[in-house]
N, C-alpha and C. Protein backbone atom coordinates (compact mmCIF):
# COMPACT_ATOMS: atom_id res chain seq x y z
N MET A 1 161.50 100.64 111.06
CA MET A 1 160.78 100.32 112.27
C MET A 1 160.59 98.80 112.34
N HIS A 2 160.92 98.23 113.45
CA HIS A 2 160.73 96.80 113.70
C HIS A 2 159.34 96.63 114.30
N ILE A 3 158.38 96.21 113.49
CA ILE A 3 156.98 96.18 113.92
C ILE A 3 156.75 95.21 115.07
N GLY A 4 157.44 94.09 115.09
CA GLY A 4 157.27 93.14 116.19
C GLY A 4 157.67 93.73 117.53
N LYS A 5 158.79 94.44 117.53
CA LYS A 5 159.23 95.09 118.77
C LYS A 5 158.24 96.17 119.20
N ARG A 6 157.67 96.87 118.21
CA ARG A 6 156.70 97.93 118.54
C ARG A 6 155.44 97.33 119.14
N ILE A 7 154.97 96.21 118.61
CA ILE A 7 153.78 95.54 119.16
C ILE A 7 154.05 95.13 120.60
N LYS A 8 155.21 94.54 120.84
CA LYS A 8 155.58 94.12 122.20
C LYS A 8 155.63 95.32 123.15
N GLU A 9 156.20 96.41 122.69
CA GLU A 9 156.32 97.62 123.50
C GLU A 9 154.94 98.18 123.87
N VAL A 10 154.05 98.28 122.89
CA VAL A 10 152.71 98.82 123.15
C VAL A 10 151.92 97.88 124.05
N LEU A 11 152.08 96.58 123.84
CA LEU A 11 151.39 95.59 124.68
C LEU A 11 151.76 95.81 126.14
N ARG A 12 153.05 95.99 126.40
CA ARG A 12 153.52 96.22 127.78
C ARG A 12 153.04 97.56 128.32
N GLU A 13 153.07 98.60 127.46
CA GLU A 13 152.59 99.93 127.88
C GLU A 13 151.13 99.87 128.31
N GLN A 14 150.36 99.02 127.64
CA GLN A 14 148.94 98.89 127.94
C GLN A 14 148.68 98.00 129.16
N GLY A 15 149.72 97.37 129.66
CA GLY A 15 149.58 96.51 130.83
C GLY A 15 149.05 95.12 130.52
N HIS A 16 149.17 94.72 129.25
CA HIS A 16 148.72 93.39 128.85
C HIS A 16 149.92 92.45 128.73
N ASN A 17 149.63 91.16 128.67
CA ASN A 17 150.69 90.18 128.50
C ASN A 17 150.45 89.34 127.25
N VAL A 18 151.37 88.45 126.98
CA VAL A 18 151.31 87.62 125.78
C VAL A 18 150.05 86.76 125.76
N SER A 19 149.68 86.21 126.89
CA SER A 19 148.47 85.37 126.96
C SER A 19 147.23 86.17 126.59
N TRP A 20 147.16 87.41 127.03
CA TRP A 20 146.03 88.28 126.72
C TRP A 20 145.88 88.45 125.21
N LEU A 21 147.00 88.77 124.54
CA LEU A 21 146.96 88.97 123.09
C LEU A 21 146.67 87.67 122.35
N ALA A 22 147.31 86.59 122.77
CA ALA A 22 147.11 85.30 122.12
C ALA A 22 145.65 84.87 122.17
N ALA A 23 144.99 85.11 123.28
CA ALA A 23 143.59 84.72 123.43
C ALA A 23 142.68 85.52 122.52
N ARG A 24 143.08 86.71 122.15
CA ARG A 24 142.22 87.60 121.38
C ARG A 24 142.48 87.58 119.88
N ILE A 25 143.64 87.11 119.45
CA ILE A 25 143.92 87.14 118.01
C ILE A 25 143.09 86.10 117.25
N PRO A 26 142.85 84.92 117.58
CA PRO A 26 143.44 84.01 118.56
C PRO A 26 144.60 83.21 117.95
N CYS A 27 145.55 82.88 118.81
CA CYS A 27 146.67 82.03 118.40
C CYS A 27 147.36 81.51 119.65
N GLU A 28 148.35 80.68 119.46
CA GLU A 28 149.13 80.17 120.58
C GLU A 28 150.11 81.25 121.06
N ARG A 29 150.47 81.18 122.31
CA ARG A 29 151.43 82.14 122.87
C ARG A 29 152.75 82.13 122.09
N SER A 30 153.17 80.95 121.66
CA SER A 30 154.42 80.85 120.90
C SER A 30 154.35 81.66 119.60
N ASN A 31 153.17 81.74 119.00
CA ASN A 31 153.01 82.54 117.78
C ASN A 31 153.15 84.03 118.08
N VAL A 32 152.68 84.46 119.25
CA VAL A 32 152.83 85.87 119.63
C VAL A 32 154.31 86.20 119.79
N TYR A 33 155.07 85.31 120.41
CA TYR A 33 156.51 85.53 120.54
C TYR A 33 157.17 85.60 119.16
N ASN A 34 156.68 84.79 118.21
CA ASN A 34 157.20 84.85 116.83
C ASN A 34 156.88 86.20 116.19
N ILE A 35 155.69 86.73 116.47
CA ILE A 35 155.31 88.05 115.95
C ILE A 35 156.28 89.11 116.47
N PHE A 36 156.64 89.02 117.74
CA PHE A 36 157.56 89.99 118.34
C PHE A 36 158.92 90.00 117.62
N ARG A 37 159.31 88.86 117.05
CA ARG A 37 160.61 88.76 116.39
C ARG A 37 160.58 89.24 114.93
N ARG A 38 159.40 89.48 114.41
CA ARG A 38 159.27 89.86 113.00
C ARG A 38 159.52 91.36 112.79
N CYS A 39 160.31 91.65 111.77
CA CYS A 39 160.47 93.06 111.41
C CYS A 39 159.41 93.47 110.39
N ASN A 40 158.77 92.48 109.75
CA ASN A 40 157.67 92.70 108.82
C ASN A 40 156.49 91.84 109.24
N ILE A 41 155.28 92.26 108.85
CA ILE A 41 154.09 91.52 109.25
C ILE A 41 153.02 91.66 108.17
N ASP A 42 152.21 90.64 108.01
CA ASP A 42 151.09 90.66 107.09
C ASP A 42 150.11 91.76 107.50
N ALA A 43 149.60 92.50 106.53
CA ALA A 43 148.69 93.62 106.82
C ALA A 43 147.42 93.16 107.53
N GLY A 44 146.90 92.00 107.15
CA GLY A 44 145.69 91.48 107.80
C GLY A 44 145.92 91.16 109.26
N LEU A 45 147.06 90.56 109.56
CA LEU A 45 147.39 90.25 110.95
C LEU A 45 147.60 91.53 111.74
N LEU A 46 148.30 92.49 111.16
CA LEU A 46 148.52 93.76 111.85
C LEU A 46 147.19 94.48 112.10
N TYR A 47 146.27 94.38 111.16
CA TYR A 47 144.94 94.97 111.33
C TYR A 47 144.22 94.33 112.51
N SER A 48 144.26 93.01 112.59
CA SER A 48 143.63 92.30 113.71
C SER A 48 144.24 92.70 115.04
N ILE A 49 145.55 92.76 115.09
CA ILE A 49 146.24 93.15 116.32
C ILE A 49 145.88 94.59 116.68
N SER A 50 145.83 95.47 115.70
CA SER A 50 145.46 96.87 115.94
C SER A 50 144.07 96.97 116.54
N LEU A 51 143.13 96.21 116.00
CA LEU A 51 141.76 96.24 116.52
C LEU A 51 141.70 95.73 117.95
N VAL A 52 142.32 94.60 118.20
CA VAL A 52 142.30 93.98 119.53
C VAL A 52 142.94 94.90 120.57
N MET A 53 144.05 95.51 120.19
CA MET A 53 144.79 96.34 121.13
C MET A 53 144.29 97.78 121.15
N GLU A 54 143.39 98.09 120.24
CA GLU A 54 142.87 99.46 120.10
C GLU A 54 144.02 100.46 119.95
N TYR A 55 144.94 100.11 119.05
CA TYR A 55 146.11 100.94 118.77
C TYR A 55 146.38 100.89 117.27
N ASN A 56 146.60 102.02 116.65
CA ASN A 56 146.82 102.08 115.21
C ASN A 56 148.30 101.96 114.86
N PHE A 57 148.74 100.72 114.65
CA PHE A 57 150.13 100.49 114.27
C PHE A 57 150.40 101.02 112.86
N PHE A 58 149.36 101.10 112.04
CA PHE A 58 149.53 101.64 110.69
C PHE A 58 149.94 103.11 110.73
N ALA A 59 149.45 103.84 111.71
CA ALA A 59 149.85 105.25 111.86
C ALA A 59 151.34 105.35 112.19
N ASP A 60 151.83 104.45 113.04
CA ASP A 60 153.26 104.42 113.35
C ASP A 60 154.08 104.17 112.08
N LEU A 61 153.65 103.19 111.30
CA LEU A 61 154.35 102.86 110.06
C LEU A 61 154.29 104.01 109.07
N SER A 62 153.15 104.68 109.01
CA SER A 62 152.98 105.82 108.11
C SER A 62 153.94 106.95 108.47
N THR A 63 154.09 107.21 109.75
CA THR A 63 155.01 108.25 110.21
C THR A 63 156.44 107.93 109.79
N VAL A 64 156.83 106.68 109.97
CA VAL A 64 158.18 106.26 109.58
C VAL A 64 158.34 106.38 108.07
N PHE A 65 157.32 105.95 107.33
CA PHE A 65 157.37 106.03 105.87
C PHE A 65 157.53 107.47 105.40
N GLU A 66 156.72 108.37 105.97
CA GLU A 66 156.79 109.78 105.57
C GLU A 66 158.16 110.38 105.87
N ARG A 67 158.72 110.04 107.02
CA ARG A 67 160.04 110.55 107.39
C ARG A 67 161.10 110.02 106.43
N GLU A 68 161.05 108.71 106.14
CA GLU A 68 162.05 108.12 105.25
C GLU A 68 161.87 108.59 103.81
N ALA A 69 160.62 108.74 103.38
CA ALA A 69 160.36 109.22 102.02
C ALA A 69 160.86 110.64 101.87
N SER A 70 160.66 111.45 102.88
CA SER A 70 161.13 112.83 102.85
C SER A 70 162.65 112.88 102.77
N SER A 71 163.31 112.03 103.52
CA SER A 71 164.78 111.98 103.50
C SER A 71 165.29 111.53 102.15
N SER A 72 164.65 110.52 101.57
CA SER A 72 165.12 110.01 100.28
C SER A 72 164.83 111.00 99.16
N ASP A 73 163.73 111.77 99.27
CA ASP A 73 163.44 112.81 98.28
C ASP A 73 164.54 113.86 98.28
N LYS A 74 164.98 114.25 99.47
CA LYS A 74 166.05 115.24 99.57
C LYS A 74 167.35 114.70 98.98
N ALA A 75 167.61 113.42 99.21
CA ALA A 75 168.83 112.80 98.68
C ALA A 75 168.77 112.75 97.16
N VAL A 76 167.60 112.45 96.60
CA VAL A 76 167.45 112.39 95.15
C VAL A 76 167.63 113.77 94.55
N VAL A 77 167.02 114.78 95.18
CA VAL A 77 167.15 116.15 94.69
C VAL A 77 168.61 116.59 94.74
N SER A 78 169.32 116.25 95.81
CA SER A 78 170.73 116.63 95.94
C SER A 78 171.58 115.98 94.87
N SER A 79 171.29 114.72 94.56
CA SER A 79 172.11 114.01 93.59
C SER A 79 171.82 114.47 92.16
N VAL A 80 170.61 114.98 91.92
CA VAL A 80 170.24 115.46 90.60
C VAL A 80 170.80 116.86 90.36
N ALA A 81 170.87 117.66 91.41
CA ALA A 81 171.29 119.07 91.28
C ALA A 81 172.74 119.23 90.95
């Protein structure tokens, strides 16, 4: 999961813009655009963004993790058998 793209997607779904998020994190608009380009993000920053946007990005990441962990477990079991 590309977390920056997901943040951008949810921001648009909520009807907010870059200036709105930048004012609340707080940071410069250019930093928000940099966040959108990141495939990884600091947990503290993601927590702040989650609070401001009232959206749990950690739940999205957890879902992806569980799906990928389940797939890799099956692959490990297959290779061991």
